[in-house]
N, C-alpha and C. Protein backbone atom coordinates (compact mmCIF):
# COMPACT_ATOMS: atom_id res chain seq x y z
N MET A 1 26.74 59.54 144.04
CA MET A 1 25.36 59.09 143.96
C MET A 1 24.46 60.32 143.97
N ILE A 2 23.50 60.35 143.06
CA ILE A 2 22.50 61.41 142.99
C ILE A 2 21.18 60.84 143.52
N LYS A 3 20.58 61.57 144.43
CA LYS A 3 19.25 61.21 144.92
C LYS A 3 18.26 62.18 144.30
N HIS A 4 17.20 61.62 143.74
CA HIS A 4 16.16 62.38 143.02
C HIS A 4 14.85 62.15 143.77
N ILE A 5 14.34 63.20 144.41
CA ILE A 5 13.11 63.12 145.19
C ILE A 5 12.06 63.99 144.52
N VAL A 6 10.89 63.40 144.27
CA VAL A 6 9.79 64.15 143.67
C VAL A 6 8.54 63.89 144.50
N MET A 7 7.80 64.96 144.80
CA MET A 7 6.55 64.83 145.55
C MET A 7 5.44 65.48 144.73
N TRP A 8 4.27 64.82 144.71
CA TRP A 8 3.13 65.34 143.96
C TRP A 8 1.89 65.47 144.83
N GLU A 9 1.09 66.45 144.49
CA GLU A 9 -0.28 66.54 144.97
C GLU A 9 -1.16 66.32 143.75
N PHE A 10 -2.10 65.39 143.84
CA PHE A 10 -2.93 65.03 142.70
C PHE A 10 -4.25 65.80 142.69
N LYS A 11 -4.79 65.97 141.48
CA LYS A 11 -6.10 66.59 141.30
C LYS A 11 -7.17 65.64 141.82
N ALA A 12 -8.28 66.19 142.29
CA ALA A 12 -9.39 65.37 142.80
C ALA A 12 -9.98 64.51 141.70
N PHE A 13 -9.98 65.02 140.47
CA PHE A 13 -10.51 64.27 139.33
C PHE A 13 -9.75 64.72 138.09
N ALA A 14 -9.25 63.78 137.31
CA ALA A 14 -8.53 64.12 136.08
C ALA A 14 -8.48 62.91 135.17
N GLU A 15 -8.48 63.17 133.87
CA GLU A 15 -8.37 62.11 132.87
C GLU A 15 -9.42 61.03 133.05
N GLY A 16 -10.60 61.44 133.52
CA GLY A 16 -11.72 60.51 133.67
C GLY A 16 -11.68 59.65 134.93
N ASN A 17 -10.76 59.96 135.86
CA ASN A 17 -10.62 59.14 137.06
C ASN A 17 -10.57 59.98 138.33
N GLU A 18 -11.03 59.36 139.41
CA GLU A 18 -10.89 59.95 140.74
C GLU A 18 -9.41 59.95 141.14
N LYS A 19 -9.08 60.78 142.09
CA LYS A 19 -7.70 60.93 142.57
C LYS A 19 -7.05 59.59 142.91
N GLN A 20 -7.70 58.77 143.71
CA GLN A 20 -7.08 57.52 144.17
C GLN A 20 -6.74 56.59 143.02
N LYS A 21 -7.59 56.53 142.02
CA LYS A 21 -7.31 55.67 140.86
C LYS A 21 -6.09 56.18 140.09
N ASN A 22 -5.96 57.51 139.95
CA ASN A 22 -4.79 58.07 139.28
C ASN A 22 -3.52 57.84 140.10
N ILE A 23 -3.62 57.96 141.41
CA ILE A 23 -2.46 57.69 142.27
C ILE A 23 -1.99 56.25 142.07
N GLU A 24 -2.92 55.31 142.07
CA GLU A 24 -2.57 53.91 141.88
C GLU A 24 -1.95 53.66 140.50
N ALA A 25 -2.49 54.31 139.48
CA ALA A 25 -1.96 54.15 138.12
C ALA A 25 -0.55 54.71 138.01
N VAL A 26 -0.33 55.89 138.58
CA VAL A 26 1.00 56.51 138.52
C VAL A 26 2.01 55.67 139.29
N LYS A 27 1.64 55.18 140.45
CA LYS A 27 2.54 54.33 141.25
C LYS A 27 2.97 53.12 140.43
N LYS A 28 2.02 52.49 139.78
CA LYS A 28 2.32 51.29 138.99
C LYS A 28 3.27 51.59 137.84
N VAL A 29 3.02 52.66 137.09
CA VAL A 29 3.90 52.94 135.95
C VAL A 29 5.27 53.42 136.40
N LEU A 30 5.35 54.19 137.49
CA LEU A 30 6.66 54.60 137.98
C LEU A 30 7.48 53.40 138.44
N GLU A 31 6.86 52.50 139.19
CA GLU A 31 7.57 51.30 139.64
C GLU A 31 7.99 50.44 138.45
N GLY A 32 7.25 50.49 137.37
CA GLY A 32 7.58 49.74 136.18
C GLY A 32 8.79 50.27 135.42
N LEU A 33 9.24 51.48 135.73
CA LEU A 33 10.42 52.02 135.06
C LEU A 33 11.71 51.31 135.49
N LYS A 34 11.72 50.79 136.71
CA LYS A 34 12.91 50.06 137.20
C LYS A 34 13.09 48.83 136.32
N GLY A 35 14.27 48.68 135.79
CA GLY A 35 14.56 47.57 134.89
C GLY A 35 14.36 47.91 133.42
N LYS A 36 13.62 48.98 133.15
CA LYS A 36 13.40 49.42 131.78
C LYS A 36 14.30 50.59 131.40
N ILE A 37 14.68 51.38 132.42
CA ILE A 37 15.61 52.49 132.19
C ILE A 37 16.88 52.15 132.97
N GLU A 38 17.93 51.82 132.25
CA GLU A 38 19.12 51.26 132.89
C GLU A 38 19.86 52.21 133.81
N SER A 39 19.66 53.51 133.67
CA SER A 39 20.39 54.45 134.54
C SER A 39 19.84 54.50 135.96
N ILE A 40 18.66 53.90 136.19
CA ILE A 40 18.08 53.89 137.54
C ILE A 40 18.80 52.86 138.40
N VAL A 41 19.41 53.31 139.48
CA VAL A 41 20.08 52.42 140.43
C VAL A 41 19.09 51.96 141.50
N HIS A 42 18.23 52.86 141.93
CA HIS A 42 17.26 52.56 142.99
C HIS A 42 15.99 53.34 142.68
N LEU A 43 14.85 52.73 142.96
CA LEU A 43 13.58 53.43 142.76
C LEU A 43 12.56 52.91 143.74
N GLU A 44 11.91 53.83 144.43
CA GLU A 44 10.78 53.46 145.28
C GLU A 44 9.74 54.56 145.20
N VAL A 45 8.48 54.15 145.32
CA VAL A 45 7.35 55.07 145.24
C VAL A 45 6.49 54.83 146.46
N GLY A 46 6.14 55.90 147.14
CA GLY A 46 5.28 55.78 148.31
C GLY A 46 4.11 56.71 148.21
N THR A 47 2.99 56.27 148.79
CA THR A 47 1.81 57.12 148.85
C THR A 47 1.56 57.53 150.30
N HIS A 48 1.06 58.72 150.48
CA HIS A 48 0.83 59.29 151.80
C HIS A 48 -0.23 58.47 152.55
N ILE A 49 0.08 58.06 153.77
CA ILE A 49 -0.83 57.18 154.51
C ILE A 49 -1.49 57.83 155.72
N VAL A 50 -1.08 59.05 156.06
CA VAL A 50 -1.64 59.73 157.23
C VAL A 50 -2.62 60.78 156.75
N ASN A 51 -3.80 60.80 157.32
CA ASN A 51 -4.82 61.76 156.93
C ASN A 51 -4.57 63.08 157.67
N ASN A 52 -3.83 63.97 157.03
CA ASN A 52 -3.60 65.30 157.61
C ASN A 52 -3.58 66.33 156.49
N SER A 53 -3.22 67.53 156.79
CA SER A 53 -3.32 68.61 155.81
C SER A 53 -2.08 68.78 154.92
N VAL A 54 -1.15 67.86 154.97
CA VAL A 54 0.05 67.96 154.13
C VAL A 54 -0.35 67.79 152.67
N PRO A 55 -0.01 68.76 151.81
CA PRO A 55 -0.44 68.68 150.41
C PRO A 55 0.48 67.80 149.54
N CYS A 56 0.63 66.56 149.94
CA CYS A 56 1.46 65.63 149.19
C CYS A 56 0.78 64.26 149.20
N ASP A 57 0.56 63.72 148.02
CA ASP A 57 -0.10 62.42 147.91
C ASP A 57 0.87 61.29 147.61
N MET A 58 1.97 61.60 146.93
CA MET A 58 2.90 60.57 146.51
C MET A 58 4.32 61.12 146.46
N VAL A 59 5.28 60.24 146.72
CA VAL A 59 6.69 60.61 146.62
C VAL A 59 7.44 59.55 145.84
N LEU A 60 8.37 60.01 145.03
CA LEU A 60 9.29 59.14 144.30
C LEU A 60 10.68 59.38 144.83
N TYR A 61 11.38 58.31 145.15
CA TYR A 61 12.80 58.40 145.48
C TYR A 61 13.52 57.52 144.48
N ALA A 62 14.40 58.13 143.71
CA ALA A 62 15.20 57.39 142.74
C ALA A 62 16.67 57.73 142.95
N GLY A 63 17.53 56.75 142.74
CA GLY A 63 18.96 56.95 142.87
C GLY A 63 19.65 56.72 141.54
N PHE A 64 20.67 57.53 141.28
CA PHE A 64 21.43 57.46 140.04
C PHE A 64 22.92 57.56 140.35
N LYS A 65 23.73 56.92 139.54
CA LYS A 65 25.17 56.89 139.75
C LYS A 65 25.78 58.30 139.74
N ASP A 66 25.32 59.13 138.81
CA ASP A 66 25.88 60.48 138.67
C ASP A 66 24.87 61.37 137.93
N LYS A 67 25.27 62.63 137.70
CA LYS A 67 24.37 63.58 137.05
C LYS A 67 24.03 63.15 135.62
N GLN A 68 24.99 62.55 134.94
CA GLN A 68 24.74 62.09 133.57
C GLN A 68 23.68 61.00 133.54
N ALA A 69 23.69 60.13 134.54
CA ALA A 69 22.68 59.07 134.62
C ALA A 69 21.30 59.67 134.89
N LEU A 70 21.23 60.68 135.74
CA LEU A 70 19.96 61.37 136.00
C LEU A 70 19.46 62.03 134.72
N GLU A 71 20.34 62.69 133.99
CA GLU A 71 19.96 63.34 132.73
C GLU A 71 19.48 62.31 131.71
N ALA A 72 20.13 61.15 131.65
CA ALA A 72 19.70 60.09 130.73
C ALA A 72 18.29 59.62 131.09
N TYR A 73 18.00 59.49 132.36
CA TYR A 73 16.67 59.11 132.84
C TYR A 73 15.64 60.15 132.41
N GLN A 74 15.96 61.42 132.62
CA GLN A 74 15.01 62.49 132.32
C GLN A 74 14.73 62.61 130.82
N LYS A 75 15.68 62.20 129.99
CA LYS A 75 15.50 62.28 128.53
C LYS A 75 14.90 61.00 127.94
N HIS A 76 14.83 59.95 128.73
CA HIS A 76 14.36 58.65 128.23
C HIS A 76 12.88 58.76 127.81
N PRO A 77 12.51 58.19 126.66
CA PRO A 77 11.13 58.26 126.19
C PRO A 77 10.10 57.70 127.18
N LEU A 78 10.42 56.65 127.91
CA LEU A 78 9.48 56.11 128.90
C LEU A 78 9.24 57.10 130.03
N HIS A 79 10.31 57.76 130.47
CA HIS A 79 10.16 58.78 131.52
C HIS A 79 9.29 59.92 131.01
N LYS A 80 9.54 60.37 129.80
CA LYS A 80 8.76 61.47 129.24
C LYS A 80 7.28 61.11 129.12
N GLU A 81 7.00 59.87 128.77
CA GLU A 81 5.61 59.41 128.66
C GLU A 81 4.92 59.44 130.03
N VAL A 82 5.59 58.90 131.04
CA VAL A 82 5.04 58.89 132.40
C VAL A 82 4.88 60.32 132.91
N ALA A 83 5.89 61.15 132.70
CA ALA A 83 5.83 62.54 133.16
C ALA A 83 4.68 63.29 132.51
N GLY A 84 4.39 63.00 131.25
CA GLY A 84 3.27 63.64 130.57
C GLY A 84 1.94 63.31 131.23
N PHE A 85 1.76 62.03 131.59
CA PHE A 85 0.52 61.63 132.26
C PHE A 85 0.44 62.25 133.65
N ILE A 86 1.53 62.20 134.39
CA ILE A 86 1.53 62.78 135.74
C ILE A 86 1.19 64.27 135.68
N GLY A 87 1.70 64.97 134.68
CA GLY A 87 1.39 66.39 134.53
C GLY A 87 -0.09 66.66 134.36
N LYS A 88 -0.82 65.72 133.77
CA LYS A 88 -2.26 65.88 133.56
C LYS A 88 -3.07 65.60 134.82
N VAL A 89 -2.56 64.75 135.71
CA VAL A 89 -3.35 64.33 136.88
C VAL A 89 -2.89 64.96 138.19
N SER A 90 -1.82 65.73 138.15
CA SER A 90 -1.31 66.33 139.39
C SER A 90 -1.52 67.84 139.41
N GLU A 91 -1.66 68.36 140.63
CA GLU A 91 -1.80 69.80 140.86
C GLU A 91 -0.45 70.48 141.02
N ARG A 92 0.40 69.86 141.84
CA ARG A 92 1.69 70.44 142.20
C ARG A 92 2.76 69.36 142.21
N ARG A 93 3.99 69.84 142.00
CA ARG A 93 5.15 68.94 142.03
C ARG A 93 6.30 69.69 142.69
N THR A 94 7.01 68.98 143.54
CA THR A 94 8.22 69.52 144.17
C THR A 94 9.35 68.54 143.90
N ILE A 95 10.49 69.04 143.50
CA ILE A 95 11.64 68.18 143.17
C ILE A 95 12.88 68.66 143.92
N VAL A 96 13.61 67.70 144.44
CA VAL A 96 14.92 67.97 145.04
C VAL A 96 15.88 66.91 144.51
N ASP A 97 17.00 67.36 143.96
CA ASP A 97 18.08 66.47 143.53
C ASP A 97 19.31 66.86 144.33
N TYR A 98 19.96 65.85 144.92
CA TYR A 98 21.19 66.18 145.66
C TYR A 98 22.20 65.06 145.50
N GLU A 99 23.43 65.42 145.77
CA GLU A 99 24.54 64.49 145.57
C GLU A 99 25.15 64.09 146.90
N LEU A 100 25.43 62.82 147.03
CA LEU A 100 26.10 62.33 148.24
C LEU A 100 27.58 62.17 147.98
C-alpha cells in the first residue's frame, strides 16, 4: 500500500477568489476524484481548523495499491486538471509518499 500525503498553503487571493473560496473549491474537486480515477483506493481531504501559525491550509491523504497505481493517478487527465488549478491558487506544497 502506498500512502500519498500532500499539504498546501493557499494564496490570500488568486483566480478571482479569496483564499477560503479556493480552499472550498479545491476540496470539492479533490473529493470528486474518488470513483473517477480507479487507482484511488482511499481518499480524504481535510482543511486546517486550528487558528495558529502553521503554514498549511489543506491536506490530502490518498491510498494506492502500489507505485504503479500512484503513477497512474498522477498521469490521469483529471488529476492533471485539478493539479493545474491548485498550482494557481496555492503558495506552497509539501508531498510525502511512503509504502507500508
